[in-house]
Amino acid sequence: MISKVEESSLLDRGGRPTLRDMLSQIVYDPAHGRISLRNARLVLNRASIAIQLQEELVRRFGPHEARVILLRLGFQAGTEDAKFIRAGWPDLDMGDAFTAGTRLHTMTGVVRVQTVYNDFNFKQNKFAAEFLWHGGMEATESLNRHRNVSEPVCWMQVGYASGYASYFFDKLIVYKETECAAMGHKHCRVTGRTADAWGADDPMVRIFRQEVVPSLAELPNKTGLLKTAFHAPPRNAAKPVEDASLEDVVLAPVHNRLDEIAARGLPALILGPRGAGKHLAAKYLHHRRHGIGGRLRRIVCGSLTSEQIDDRLRKVKQLRETWLLENIETLPEECQLLLAERIENQDLPQGLQLTGSSIRRMSELIAMPALRQDFLFGLAVLPVELASLQDRRGDMPDIARAVLAAIVESGSSPQHRLSRAALDALVVMDIPGNLPQLRSILQVAAFNTEVDGGMRHPREIEPKHFPRDLVASPPRPADAHVPGIMDLLAAGSLTIDDLNQQIYAEALRRSNGRMSAAARLIGVTRPQFVYRAK
């Protein structure tokens, strides 16, 4: 507790403006609904709004995106307050103006700041500091709602301190919260250094440089194809097929499911045949959960031990990682048990997205005695199932165009396009190897168009350019089904009309209801298909 004497001395402690100076210049103007300090408008809010906002952002965007948003808001607020101090008290000594940030934060009721050390030299551009935060708004309100948490929660305050200090040094200063009252510590403790002093590979420095400091206009260039929570369009927004990325096309049926998993911070289970896009789905989930940076680790389950998992979990800490456990049915039972308990107790590191994958269907996994049910269903709260290309023939033209565009973008081939005849050939082609096999087919076809001597740009890929050795499949005996069909016809349980209708219905199912694709699938024109399907 602070005594009355200490409280009084606190008002005059430090350089100008002191707390007493600031408090004496606050103007309440109820007639106009204004509170101001040196003509800068202030607003009183309940402190609980801070943690309510944090909870809503975590629920909507996931913990990483929520943290980045609040760090950005804090950083901008700190920068604006630094400008306000310089403009409001233009004759201040630079050192007093710099340290005024701690007093301003105290005056506004956000936190009481106690300096452990604050070493700075503007001429030498050096800075190192450590502070104790008492009664911080974010930590206190978190305790009021959650009791203890496992990670620091003072995201806006850390962003504020970093933004305020960065303005004065004209270089990035990064603060880290090493203790937090919301975690059960006596107080919050923060340490500030220049980004260079922390090191370019420091996880917090990467977050600030890549996601906190850039303006909104700069963020798309910083993040490449990834769209973060600040500017990501709704997933149901219309997007021209010609502009669709491979990720957009392949994951279109499961985008909403992956978004929901990322927003809720759930473990994930991704199922599908080899080459159907499971790694692409895990990569998308990683980006939606963690933004740019971080690490997606592909882990072979059969080689793991419980000691290795424990060691890796300890190393995750504040890092942003996604583990893709490939073929979860091969994971040793001791490892399944360890992870099942961690999932059940919500004891996974905050920065970890746990994801499993398998080429088996859910019904097959449930029936496997070697796979623990608590582990399986811990991952499969919202299971994601990807279909083979054979079951997505209606999407084949869009998928093929996206794969070809990715090949061209990688620089391994000049610009090409697929002719209508080539697209029709791909729709009926058997590609059991799915995306990797399709990519090889299109790479060779693109090369063959160049060898073919075509000079048009973009070069057009025709069916003759497809490599026969990559697309040839074992002959399927068409007459194998005839005896069974004849038996049904003879028994009167099937008619030719019934058979035709079943063929057309199956073609529509495989083409996702698209008439043109279904017509190509069975080798008739669209008008013929529409007429006969009736």
Protein backbone atom coordinates (compact mmCIF):
# COMPACT_ATOMS: atom_id res chain seq x y z
CA MET A 1 0.00 0.00 0.00
CA ILE A 2 1.09 3.58 -0.65
CA SER A 3 0.85 5.96 2.29
CA LYS A 4 -0.71 9.41 2.00
CA VAL A 5 2.78 10.97 2.24
CA GLU A 6 4.11 8.77 -0.55
CA GLU A 7 1.00 9.48 -2.63
CA SER A 8 1.54 13.21 -2.26
CA SER A 9 5.20 12.99 -3.22
CA LEU A 10 4.27 10.84 -6.21
CA LEU A 11 2.31 13.77 -7.64
CA ASP A 12 5.49 15.88 -7.87
CA ARG A 13 8.00 13.14 -8.65
CA GLY A 14 9.94 13.09 -11.92
CA GLY A 15 10.41 15.77 -14.52
CA ARG A 16 7.84 18.06 -16.06
CA PRO A 17 4.99 17.76 -16.59
CA THR A 18 4.47 16.10 -13.22
CA LEU A 19 1.30 14.26 -12.32
CA ARG A 20 0.18 17.37 -10.44
CA ASP A 21 0.80 19.50 -13.57
CA MET A 22 -1.34 17.17 -15.69
CA LEU A 23 -4.15 16.85 -13.17
CA SER A 24 -4.33 20.63 -12.69
CA GLN A 25 -4.83 21.14 -16.42
CA ILE A 26 -7.68 18.69 -16.95
CA VAL A 27 -10.84 20.58 -17.95
CA TYR A 28 -14.34 19.11 -17.47
CA ASP A 29 -16.86 20.76 -19.79
CA PRO A 30 -20.21 19.02 -19.17
CA ALA A 31 -22.06 21.63 -21.25
CA HIS A 32 -20.33 20.27 -24.36
CA GLY A 33 -19.74 16.73 -23.12
CA ARG A 34 -15.95 17.16 -23.18
CA ILE A 35 -13.00 16.33 -20.96
CA SER A 36 -9.69 17.71 -22.17
CA LEU A 37 -6.03 18.04 -21.28
CA ARG A 38 -4.27 20.89 -23.05
CA ASN A 39 -7.07 20.88 -25.67
CA ALA A 40 -6.60 17.18 -26.34
CA ARG A 41 -9.90 15.41 -25.78
CA LEU A 42 -10.06 12.55 -23.24
CA VAL A 43 -12.85 10.03 -22.68
CA LEU A 44 -13.66 8.11 -19.49
CA ASN A 45 -14.51 4.44 -19.99
CA ARG A 46 -15.05 1.49 -17.69
CA ALA A 47 -11.79 -0.48 -17.39
CA SER A 48 -13.61 -3.75 -18.10
CA ILE A 49 -13.97 -2.76 -21.77
CA ALA A 50 -10.27 -3.55 -22.26
CA ILE A 51 -10.52 -7.25 -21.43
CA GLN A 52 -13.96 -7.54 -23.07
CA LEU A 53 -12.44 -6.24 -26.30
CA GLN A 54 -9.57 -8.69 -25.96
CA GLU A 55 -11.97 -11.61 -25.48
CA GLU A 56 -14.10 -10.63 -28.48
CA LEU A 57 -11.06 -10.31 -30.73
CA VAL A 58 -9.70 -13.69 -29.62
CA ARG A 59 -13.10 -15.28 -30.24
CA ARG A 60 -13.39 -13.72 -33.70
CA PHE A 61 -9.82 -13.86 -35.03
CA GLY A 62 -7.86 -16.21 -32.77
CA PRO A 63 -5.26 -15.35 -30.09
CA HIS A 64 -2.43 -14.28 -32.40
CA GLU A 65 -4.48 -11.89 -34.55
CA ALA A 66 -6.17 -10.47 -31.45
CA ARG A 67 -2.80 -9.84 -29.86
CA VAL A 68 -1.47 -8.13 -32.99
CA ILE A 69 -4.55 -5.88 -33.24
CA LEU A 70 -4.22 -4.74 -29.62
CA LEU A 71 -0.45 -4.30 -29.91
CA ARG A 72 -1.09 -2.12 -32.97
CA LEU A 73 -3.73 -0.05 -31.18
CA GLY A 74 -1.42 0.38 -28.20
CA PHE A 75 1.56 1.25 -30.41
CA GLN A 76 -0.45 3.91 -32.24
CA ALA A 77 -1.79 5.31 -28.96
CA GLY A 78 1.77 5.52 -27.55
CA THR A 79 3.00 7.28 -30.67
CA GLU A 80 0.14 9.80 -30.55
CA ASP A 81 0.74 10.51 -26.85
CA ALA A 82 4.45 11.09 -27.55
CA LYS A 83 3.49 13.64 -30.22
CA PHE A 84 0.99 15.20 -27.81
CA ILE A 85 3.62 15.66 -25.07
CA ARG A 86 6.07 17.27 -27.52
CA ALA A 87 3.39 19.59 -28.92
CA GLY A 88 1.69 20.39 -25.59
CA TRP A 89 4.92 21.19 -23.75
CA PRO A 90 7.28 22.32 -26.56
CA ASP A 91 9.93 23.71 -24.20
CA LEU A 92 10.43 20.47 -22.30
CA ASP A 93 13.83 18.89 -21.96
CA MET A 94 13.93 15.79 -24.21
CA GLY A 95 14.54 13.52 -21.21
CA ASP A 96 11.53 14.93 -19.34
CA ALA A 97 9.34 14.55 -22.40
CA PHE A 98 10.46 10.95 -22.80
CA THR A 99 9.76 9.96 -19.19
CA ALA A 100 6.43 11.82 -19.21
CA GLY A 101 4.90 8.75 -20.84
CA THR A 102 4.99 6.85 -17.55
CA ARG A 103 3.31 9.73 -15.75
CA LEU A 104 0.67 10.16 -18.45
CA HIS A 105 -0.17 6.47 -18.23
CA THR A 106 -0.57 6.82 -14.46
CA MET A 107 -2.66 9.99 -14.74
CA THR A 108 -5.14 8.36 -17.13
CA GLY A 109 -5.70 5.45 -14.74
CA VAL A 110 -4.21 2.74 -16.94
CA VAL A 111 -1.40 1.65 -14.62
CA ARG A 112 0.93 2.91 -11.89
CA VAL A 113 4.47 2.70 -13.19
CA GLN A 114 7.49 2.03 -10.97
CA THR A 115 10.91 2.38 -12.57
CA VAL A 116 13.47 -0.37 -11.95
CA TYR A 117 15.96 1.23 -14.34
CA ASN A 118 15.64 3.52 -17.34
CA ASP A 119 18.95 3.96 -19.15
CA PHE A 120 18.78 6.04 -22.31
CA ASN A 121 21.12 8.21 -24.32
CA PHE A 122 19.61 10.05 -27.27
CA LYS A 123 22.97 11.09 -28.73
CA GLN A 124 24.29 7.53 -28.75
CA ASN A 125 20.84 6.16 -29.68
CA LYS A 126 20.94 3.66 -26.80
CA PHE A 127 18.07 2.48 -24.66
CA ALA A 128 17.37 -0.18 -22.01
CA ALA A 129 14.67 -0.10 -19.34
CA GLU A 130 12.67 -2.18 -16.93
CA PHE A 131 9.48 -1.17 -15.13
CA LEU A 132 7.03 -2.69 -12.68
CA TRP A 133 3.37 -2.12 -13.47
CA HIS A 134 1.01 -2.01 -10.48
CA GLY A 135 -2.76 -2.33 -10.91
CA GLY A 136 -2.57 -2.46 -14.71
CA MET A 137 -5.98 -2.20 -16.38
CA GLU A 138 -5.64 -5.32 -18.56
CA ALA A 139 -4.17 -7.59 -15.89
CA THR A 140 -6.59 -6.48 -13.16
CA GLU A 141 -9.67 -6.90 -15.34
CA SER A 142 -8.43 -10.28 -16.55
CA LEU A 143 -8.09 -11.41 -12.93
CA ASN A 144 -11.60 -10.15 -12.18
CA ARG A 145 -13.01 -12.31 -14.98
CA HIS A 146 -10.69 -15.33 -15.25
CA ARG A 147 -8.55 -15.58 -12.14
CA ASN A 148 -5.07 -16.69 -13.24
CA VAL A 149 -4.12 -17.18 -16.90
CA SER A 150 -1.10 -18.91 -18.42
CA GLU A 151 0.21 -16.06 -20.60
CA PRO A 152 0.73 -12.28 -20.16
CA VAL A 153 -2.36 -10.28 -21.16
CA CYS A 154 -1.22 -6.62 -21.13
CA TRP A 155 -1.06 -6.39 -24.92
CA MET A 156 -2.23 -2.80 -25.38
CA GLN A 157 0.04 -1.52 -22.61
CA VAL A 158 3.08 -3.27 -24.12
CA GLY A 159 2.21 -1.79 -27.50
CA TYR A 160 1.78 1.67 -25.92
CA ALA A 161 5.18 1.58 -24.21
CA SER A 162 6.84 0.43 -27.45
CA GLY A 163 5.15 3.10 -29.55
CA TYR A 164 5.92 5.93 -27.11
CA ALA A 165 9.61 5.03 -26.84
CA SER A 166 10.02 4.37 -30.57
CA TYR A 167 8.82 7.89 -31.39
CA PHE A 168 11.58 9.53 -29.32
CA PHE A 169 14.38 7.34 -30.64
CA ASP A 170 13.12 7.29 -34.22
CA LYS A 171 13.82 3.56 -34.24
CA LEU A 172 11.90 0.51 -33.12
CA ILE A 173 11.84 -0.09 -29.37
CA VAL A 174 10.24 -3.36 -28.29
CA TYR A 175 8.90 -4.07 -24.82
CA LYS A 176 8.26 -7.57 -23.46
CA GLU A 177 6.11 -8.50 -20.49
CA THR A 178 8.14 -11.03 -18.48
CA GLU A 179 5.78 -11.18 -15.48
CA CYS A 180 2.05 -10.53 -15.38
CA ALA A 181 -0.25 -10.08 -12.42
CA ALA A 182 -2.95 -11.96 -14.32
CA MET A 183 -0.67 -15.04 -14.15
CA GLY A 184 -0.43 -14.80 -10.37
CA HIS A 185 2.71 -12.66 -10.11
CA LYS A 186 2.83 -9.86 -7.54
CA HIS A 187 2.93 -7.26 -10.32
CA CYS A 188 3.62 -6.99 -14.04
CA ARG A 189 7.23 -6.58 -15.15
CA VAL A 190 8.23 -5.23 -18.56
CA THR A 191 11.64 -4.90 -20.19
CA GLY A 192 12.38 -2.60 -23.12
CA ARG A 193 15.25 -2.78 -25.62
CA THR A 194 15.93 -1.60 -29.13
CA ALA A 195 14.89 -4.13 -31.75
CA ASP A 196 18.55 -4.47 -32.73
CA ALA A 197 19.49 -5.34 -29.14
CA TRP A 198 16.85 -8.08 -28.99
CA GLY A 199 18.03 -9.45 -32.36
CA ALA A 200 16.36 -9.76 -35.76
CA ASP A 201 15.29 -13.37 -35.08
CA ASP A 202 13.56 -12.56 -31.80
CA PRO A 203 9.88 -13.64 -32.10
CA MET A 204 8.55 -10.41 -30.56
CA VAL A 205 10.73 -8.28 -32.84
CA ARG A 206 9.43 -10.16 -35.88
CA ILE A 207 5.83 -9.54 -34.79
CA PHE A 208 6.48 -5.81 -34.38
CA ARG A 209 8.39 -5.41 -37.64
CA GLN A 210 6.07 -7.50 -39.78
CA GLU A 211 2.64 -6.86 -38.29
CA VAL A 212 2.57 -4.09 -35.68
CA VAL A 213 4.62 -1.23 -37.13
CA PRO A 214 3.61 -1.29 -40.85
CA SER A 215 0.71 0.89 -41.89
CA LEU A 216 -2.44 -0.81 -43.13
CA ALA A 217 -1.51 0.15 -46.67
CA GLU A 218 1.85 -1.55 -46.29
CA LEU A 219 0.57 -4.77 -44.75
CA PRO A 220 -0.46 -6.53 -48.01
CA ASN A 221 3.07 -6.07 -49.35
CA LYS A 222 4.52 -7.30 -46.09
CA THR A 223 2.37 -10.43 -45.98
CA GLY A 224 2.35 -11.59 -49.60
CA LEU A 225 -0.76 -13.61 -50.41
CA LEU A 226 -1.78 -13.88 -46.78
CA LYS A 227 -4.57 -11.53 -45.76
CA THR A 228 -4.56 -10.78 -42.05
CA ALA A 229 -7.49 -9.80 -39.92
CA PHE A 230 -6.99 -6.11 -40.78
CA HIS A 231 -7.81 -6.45 -44.46
CA ALA A 232 -8.97 -9.99 -45.13
CA PRO A 233 -12.15 -10.06 -47.26
CA PRO A 234 -15.00 -12.32 -46.17
CA ARG A 235 -14.48 -15.83 -47.42
CA ASN A 236 -17.88 -15.81 -49.10
CA ALA A 237 -16.97 -12.71 -51.13
CA ALA A 238 -17.15 -13.30 -54.86
CA LYS A 239 -13.76 -13.71 -56.47
CA PRO A 240 -13.13 -14.07 -60.22
CA VAL A 241 -12.12 -17.63 -61.06
CA GLU A 242 -9.23 -16.33 -63.15
CA ASP A 243 -7.75 -14.64 -60.08
CA ALA A 244 -8.32 -17.53 -57.67
CA SER A 245 -5.21 -18.96 -56.05
CA LEU A 246 -4.57 -22.68 -55.70
CA GLU A 247 -5.43 -22.37 -52.02
CA ASP A 248 -8.75 -20.65 -52.81
CA VAL A 249 -9.81 -23.33 -55.30
CA VAL A 250 -8.59 -26.46 -53.53
CA LEU A 251 -9.80 -25.42 -50.07
CA ALA A 252 -13.05 -23.73 -51.14
CA PRO A 253 -15.27 -26.51 -49.70
CA VAL A 254 -13.55 -26.34 -46.28
CA HIS A 255 -12.56 -22.66 -45.94
CA ASN A 256 -15.36 -21.85 -43.48
CA ARG A 257 -14.53 -24.87 -41.34
CA LEU A 258 -10.83 -23.94 -41.21
CA ASP A 259 -11.69 -20.31 -40.38
CA GLU A 260 -13.87 -21.44 -37.49
CA ILE A 261 -11.15 -23.73 -36.11
CA ALA A 262 -8.61 -20.88 -36.24
CA ALA A 263 -10.99 -18.37 -34.65
CA ARG A 264 -11.81 -20.73 -31.76
CA GLY A 265 -8.19 -21.85 -31.28
CA LEU A 266 -9.18 -25.52 -31.56
CA PRO A 267 -7.00 -28.51 -32.43
CA ALA A 268 -7.71 -29.82 -35.92
CA LEU A 269 -7.99 -33.09 -37.83
CA ILE A 270 -7.57 -33.00 -41.62
CA LEU A 271 -8.56 -36.10 -43.59
CA GLY A 272 -8.23 -36.98 -47.25
CA PRO A 273 -6.33 -39.13 -49.77
CA ARG A 274 -2.67 -38.51 -50.54
CA GLY A 275 -2.17 -35.35 -52.56
CA ALA A 276 -5.67 -33.96 -51.90
CA GLY A 277 -4.30 -30.82 -50.19
CA LYS A 278 -3.95 -31.71 -46.48
CA HIS A 279 -0.65 -29.84 -46.17
CA LEU A 280 -2.18 -26.87 -48.01
CA ALA A 281 -5.06 -26.90 -45.50
CA ALA A 282 -2.63 -27.03 -42.56
CA LYS A 283 -0.66 -24.13 -44.02
CA TYR A 284 -3.85 -22.09 -44.45
CA LEU A 285 -4.89 -22.88 -40.88
CA HIS A 286 -1.44 -21.84 -39.63
CA HIS A 287 -1.73 -18.47 -41.38
CA ARG A 288 -5.27 -17.83 -40.20
CA ARG A 289 -4.30 -18.67 -36.61
CA HIS A 290 -0.84 -17.10 -36.44
CA GLY A 291 -0.52 -14.62 -39.32
CA ILE A 292 2.83 -14.35 -41.02
CA GLY A 293 5.95 -15.78 -39.48
CA GLY A 294 5.90 -18.68 -37.09
CA ARG A 295 6.64 -22.21 -38.19
CA LEU A 296 4.67 -25.08 -39.67
CA ARG A 297 6.30 -28.36 -38.60
CA ARG A 298 5.46 -31.62 -40.40
CA ILE A 299 5.98 -34.44 -37.92
CA VAL A 300 6.10 -38.15 -38.73
CA CYS A 301 4.02 -39.72 -35.96
CA GLY A 302 5.57 -43.17 -35.96
CA SER A 303 8.98 -41.85 -34.90
CA LEU A 304 7.79 -39.80 -31.90
CA THR A 305 8.22 -40.53 -28.20
CA SER A 306 6.41 -38.91 -25.29
CA GLU A 307 9.72 -37.41 -24.10
CA GLN A 308 10.21 -35.73 -27.48
CA ILE A 309 6.69 -34.28 -27.39
CA ASP A 310 7.19 -32.97 -23.83
CA ASP A 311 10.48 -31.36 -24.85
CA ARG A 312 8.94 -29.74 -27.92
CA LEU A 313 5.96 -28.45 -25.96
CA ARG A 314 8.30 -26.74 -23.49
CA LYS A 315 10.15 -25.06 -26.35
CA VAL A 316 7.01 -23.64 -27.97
CA LYS A 317 6.31 -21.11 -25.16
CA GLN A 318 5.60 -17.77 -26.86
CA LEU A 319 6.50 -18.98 -30.36
CA ARG A 320 3.86 -19.40 -33.05
CA GLU A 321 3.93 -22.97 -34.29
CA THR A 322 1.62 -25.37 -36.05
CA TRP A 323 2.32 -29.08 -35.67
CA LEU A 324 1.04 -31.26 -38.48
CA LEU A 325 1.05 -34.80 -37.10
CA GLU A 326 0.98 -36.90 -40.27
CA ASN A 327 -0.85 -40.24 -40.17
CA ILE A 328 -2.07 -39.99 -36.58
CA GLU A 329 -3.01 -43.67 -36.56
CA THR A 330 0.73 -44.48 -36.35
CA LEU A 331 1.32 -42.33 -33.25
CA PRO A 332 2.47 -44.45 -30.27
CA GLU A 333 -0.18 -44.83 -27.56
CA GLU A 334 1.93 -43.09 -24.90
CA CYS A 335 2.09 -40.02 -27.14
CA GLN A 336 -1.65 -40.18 -27.81
CA LEU A 337 -2.30 -40.26 -24.07
CA LEU A 338 0.01 -37.30 -23.38
CA LEU A 339 -1.63 -35.13 -26.04
CA ALA A 340 -5.15 -36.25 -25.10
CA GLU A 341 -4.56 -35.10 -21.52
CA ARG A 342 -3.09 -31.80 -22.68
CA ILE A 343 -6.09 -31.18 -24.94
CA GLU A 344 -8.63 -32.15 -22.26
CA ASN A 345 -6.97 -29.93 -19.64
CA GLN A 346 -6.52 -27.06 -22.14
CA ASP A 347 -2.84 -27.22 -21.32
CA LEU A 348 -1.39 -26.71 -24.81
CA PRO A 349 0.88 -23.65 -25.27
CA GLN A 350 -1.06 -20.62 -26.47
CA GLY A 351 1.17 -20.30 -29.50
CA LEU A 352 0.59 -23.89 -30.71
CA GLN A 353 -1.90 -24.99 -33.35
CA LEU A 354 -2.11 -28.77 -32.97
CA THR A 355 -3.20 -30.47 -36.19
CA GLY A 356 -3.39 -34.13 -37.16
CA SER A 357 -3.88 -35.70 -40.58
CA SER A 358 -4.73 -39.09 -42.03
CA ILE A 359 -5.50 -40.66 -45.39
CA ARG A 360 -8.22 -42.73 -43.71
CA ARG A 361 -11.88 -41.81 -43.33
CA MET A 362 -13.31 -40.88 -39.95
CA SER A 363 -15.29 -44.13 -39.73
CA GLU A 364 -12.08 -46.11 -40.29
CA LEU A 365 -10.20 -44.19 -37.61
CA ILE A 366 -12.98 -44.71 -35.07
CA ALA A 367 -12.82 -48.47 -35.69
CA MET A 368 -9.05 -48.69 -35.11
CA PRO A 369 -8.31 -50.25 -31.70
CA ALA A 370 -4.78 -48.79 -31.64
CA LEU A 371 -6.13 -45.22 -31.83
CA ARG A 372 -7.31 -43.78 -28.51
CA GLN A 373 -10.80 -42.32 -28.69
CA ASP A 374 -10.00 -39.40 -26.34
CA PHE A 375 -7.09 -38.37 -28.56
CA LEU A 376 -9.02 -38.80 -31.82
CA PHE A 377 -12.08 -36.83 -30.72
CA GLY A 378 -9.91 -34.22 -29.03
CA LEU A 379 -8.54 -33.41 -32.48
CA ALA A 380 -11.81 -33.98 -34.34
CA VAL A 381 -14.07 -31.35 -32.78
CA LEU A 382 -14.54 -29.92 -36.29
CA PRO A 383 -12.99 -32.51 -38.65
CA VAL A 384 -11.97 -31.33 -42.12
CA GLU A 385 -12.39 -33.77 -45.01
CA LEU A 386 -10.82 -33.20 -48.43
CA ALA A 387 -11.97 -35.09 -51.52
CA SER A 388 -9.81 -36.61 -54.25
CA LEU A 389 -9.66 -34.97 -57.67
CA GLN A 390 -11.68 -37.88 -59.03
CA ASP A 391 -14.55 -36.81 -56.77
CA ARG A 392 -14.15 -33.17 -57.76
CA ARG A 393 -14.29 -33.44 -61.53
CA GLY A 394 -16.63 -30.47 -61.71
CA ASP A 395 -13.93 -28.32 -60.12
CA MET A 396 -11.13 -29.72 -62.29
CA PRO A 397 -10.98 -26.80 -64.78
CA ASP A 398 -10.59 -24.27 -61.94
CA ILE A 399 -8.09 -26.45 -60.07
CA ALA A 400 -6.03 -27.06 -63.23
CA ARG A 401 -5.91 -23.34 -64.03
CA ALA A 402 -4.80 -22.56 -60.47
CA VAL A 403 -2.08 -25.25 -60.54
CA LEU A 404 -0.82 -23.94 -63.90
CA ALA A 405 -0.82 -20.36 -62.58
CA ALA A 406 1.25 -21.48 -59.57
CA ILE A 407 3.76 -23.16 -61.91
CA VAL A 408 4.05 -19.98 -63.96
CA GLU A 409 4.32 -17.78 -60.83
CA SER A 410 7.16 -19.93 -59.50
CA GLY A 411 9.18 -19.00 -62.58
CA SER A 412 9.60 -22.58 -63.75
CA SER A 413 7.66 -21.91 -66.96
CA PRO A 414 6.60 -18.96 -69.13
CA GLN A 415 2.95 -18.01 -69.35
CA HIS A 416 0.59 -20.73 -70.60
CA ARG A 417 -3.12 -21.38 -70.76
CA LEU A 418 -5.24 -24.50 -71.12
CA SER A 419 -7.42 -24.85 -74.21
CA ARG A 420 -11.04 -25.87 -73.90
CA ALA A 421 -10.17 -29.30 -75.28
CA ALA A 422 -7.38 -29.70 -72.70
CA LEU A 423 -9.77 -28.83 -69.86
CA ASP A 424 -12.31 -31.35 -71.17
CA ALA A 425 -9.59 -34.01 -71.29
CA LEU A 426 -8.55 -33.30 -67.70
CA VAL A 427 -12.14 -33.58 -66.47
CA VAL A 428 -12.40 -37.23 -67.56
CA MET A 429 -8.77 -38.13 -66.81
CA ASP A 430 -7.93 -40.47 -63.93
CA ILE A 431 -5.37 -38.76 -61.67
CA PRO A 432 -5.03 -40.98 -58.57
CA GLY A 433 -1.97 -39.01 -57.43
CA ASN A 434 -4.15 -35.89 -57.09
CA LEU A 435 -2.41 -32.47 -56.88
CA PRO A 436 1.24 -33.64 -57.15
CA GLN A 437 0.42 -35.76 -60.22
CA LEU A 438 -1.64 -32.95 -61.77
CA ARG A 439 1.24 -30.53 -61.26
CA SER A 440 3.68 -32.91 -62.99
CA ILE A 441 1.26 -33.41 -65.90
CA LEU A 442 0.90 -29.67 -66.41
CA GLN A 443 4.63 -28.97 -66.04
CA VAL A 444 5.46 -31.52 -68.74
CA ALA A 445 2.61 -30.26 -70.93
CA ALA A 446 3.92 -26.70 -70.61
CA PHE A 447 7.40 -27.89 -71.61
CA ASN A 448 5.94 -29.79 -74.58
CA THR A 449 4.24 -26.65 -75.90
CA GLU A 450 7.64 -24.94 -75.99
CA VAL A 451 9.25 -27.89 -77.75
CA ASP A 452 6.28 -27.86 -80.13
CA GLY A 453 7.60 -24.56 -81.44
CA GLY A 454 4.61 -22.44 -80.60
CA MET A 455 5.42 -18.73 -80.51
CA ARG A 456 2.10 -17.43 -79.21
CA HIS A 457 2.06 -15.80 -75.78
CA PRO A 458 0.53 -17.17 -73.73
CA ARG A 459 1.22 -20.59 -75.22
CA GLU A 460 -1.85 -22.82 -75.37
CA ILE A 461 -1.77 -26.33 -73.96
CA GLU A 462 -3.69 -28.92 -76.01
CA PRO A 463 -4.50 -32.58 -75.16
CA LYS A 464 -1.63 -33.74 -77.38
CA HIS A 465 0.83 -32.05 -75.00
CA PHE A 466 -0.15 -34.20 -72.01
CA PRO A 467 2.49 -36.85 -71.18
CA ARG A 468 1.04 -40.31 -71.77
CA ASP A 469 3.29 -41.99 -69.23
CA LEU A 470 1.95 -39.76 -66.45
CA VAL A 471 -1.74 -40.01 -67.30
CA ALA A 472 -2.04 -43.60 -68.46
CA SER A 473 -3.97 -45.76 -66.03
CA PRO A 474 -4.70 -49.49 -66.00
CA PRO A 475 -7.61 -50.41 -68.29
CA ARG A 476 -10.87 -50.76 -66.42
CA PRO A 477 -13.11 -53.57 -67.74
CA ALA A 478 -16.25 -51.69 -68.78
CA ASP A 479 -18.19 -54.91 -69.11
CA ALA A 480 -17.52 -55.94 -65.50
CA HIS A 481 -20.79 -54.28 -64.44
CA VAL A 482 -22.89 -55.68 -67.29
CA PRO A 483 -23.85 -59.03 -65.69
CA GLY A 484 -25.13 -57.33 -62.56
CA ILE A 485 -27.07 -54.76 -64.57
CA MET A 486 -28.62 -57.51 -66.70
CA ASP A 487 -29.70 -59.37 -63.55
CA LEU A 488 -31.44 -56.24 -62.26
CA LEU A 489 -33.13 -55.63 -65.64
CA ALA A 490 -34.29 -59.24 -65.84
CA ALA A 491 -35.69 -59.08 -62.33
CA GLY A 492 -37.65 -55.95 -63.18
CA SER A 493 -36.00 -53.92 -60.40
CA LEU A 494 -34.24 -51.63 -62.88
CA THR A 495 -35.25 -50.04 -66.18
CA ILE A 496 -33.15 -48.37 -68.85
CA ASP A 497 -34.72 -45.03 -67.91
CA ASP A 498 -33.83 -45.62 -64.23
CA LEU A 499 -30.26 -46.44 -65.23
CA ASN A 500 -29.96 -43.30 -67.35
CA GLN A 501 -31.34 -41.12 -64.58
CA GLN A 502 -28.87 -42.61 -62.09
CA ILE A 503 -25.98 -41.91 -64.48
CA TYR A 504 -27.08 -38.29 -64.94
CA ALA A 505 -27.64 -37.84 -61.19
CA GLU A 506 -24.17 -39.23 -60.42
CA ALA A 507 -22.62 -36.97 -63.05
CA LEU A 508 -24.30 -33.95 -61.43
CA ARG A 509 -23.13 -35.04 -57.97
CA ARG A 510 -19.52 -35.37 -59.10
CA SER A 511 -19.76 -31.99 -60.83
CA ASN A 512 -21.22 -30.24 -57.77
CA GLY A 513 -24.44 -29.52 -59.65
CA ARG A 514 -22.77 -27.79 -62.61
CA MET A 515 -24.60 -28.80 -65.81
CA SER A 516 -21.76 -27.99 -68.23
CA ALA A 517 -19.20 -29.98 -66.26
CA ALA A 518 -21.62 -32.91 -65.87
CA ALA A 519 -22.26 -32.91 -69.62
CA ARG A 520 -18.52 -33.00 -70.35
CA LEU A 521 -18.12 -35.82 -67.85
CA ILE A 522 -20.39 -38.19 -69.80
CA GLY A 523 -19.51 -36.88 -73.26
CA VAL A 524 -22.65 -35.02 -74.36
CA THR A 525 -23.47 -31.37 -74.97
CA ARG A 526 -25.08 -29.27 -72.28
CA PRO A 527 -28.46 -29.01 -74.13
CA GLN A 528 -28.44 -32.79 -74.59
CA PHE A 529 -27.72 -33.29 -70.90
CA VAL A 530 -30.48 -30.90 -69.81
CA TYR A 531 -32.99 -32.55 -72.14
CA ARG A 532 -32.12 -36.11 -71.17
CA ALA A 533 -31.89 -35.37 -67.46
CA LYS A 534 -35.52 -34.29 -67.48
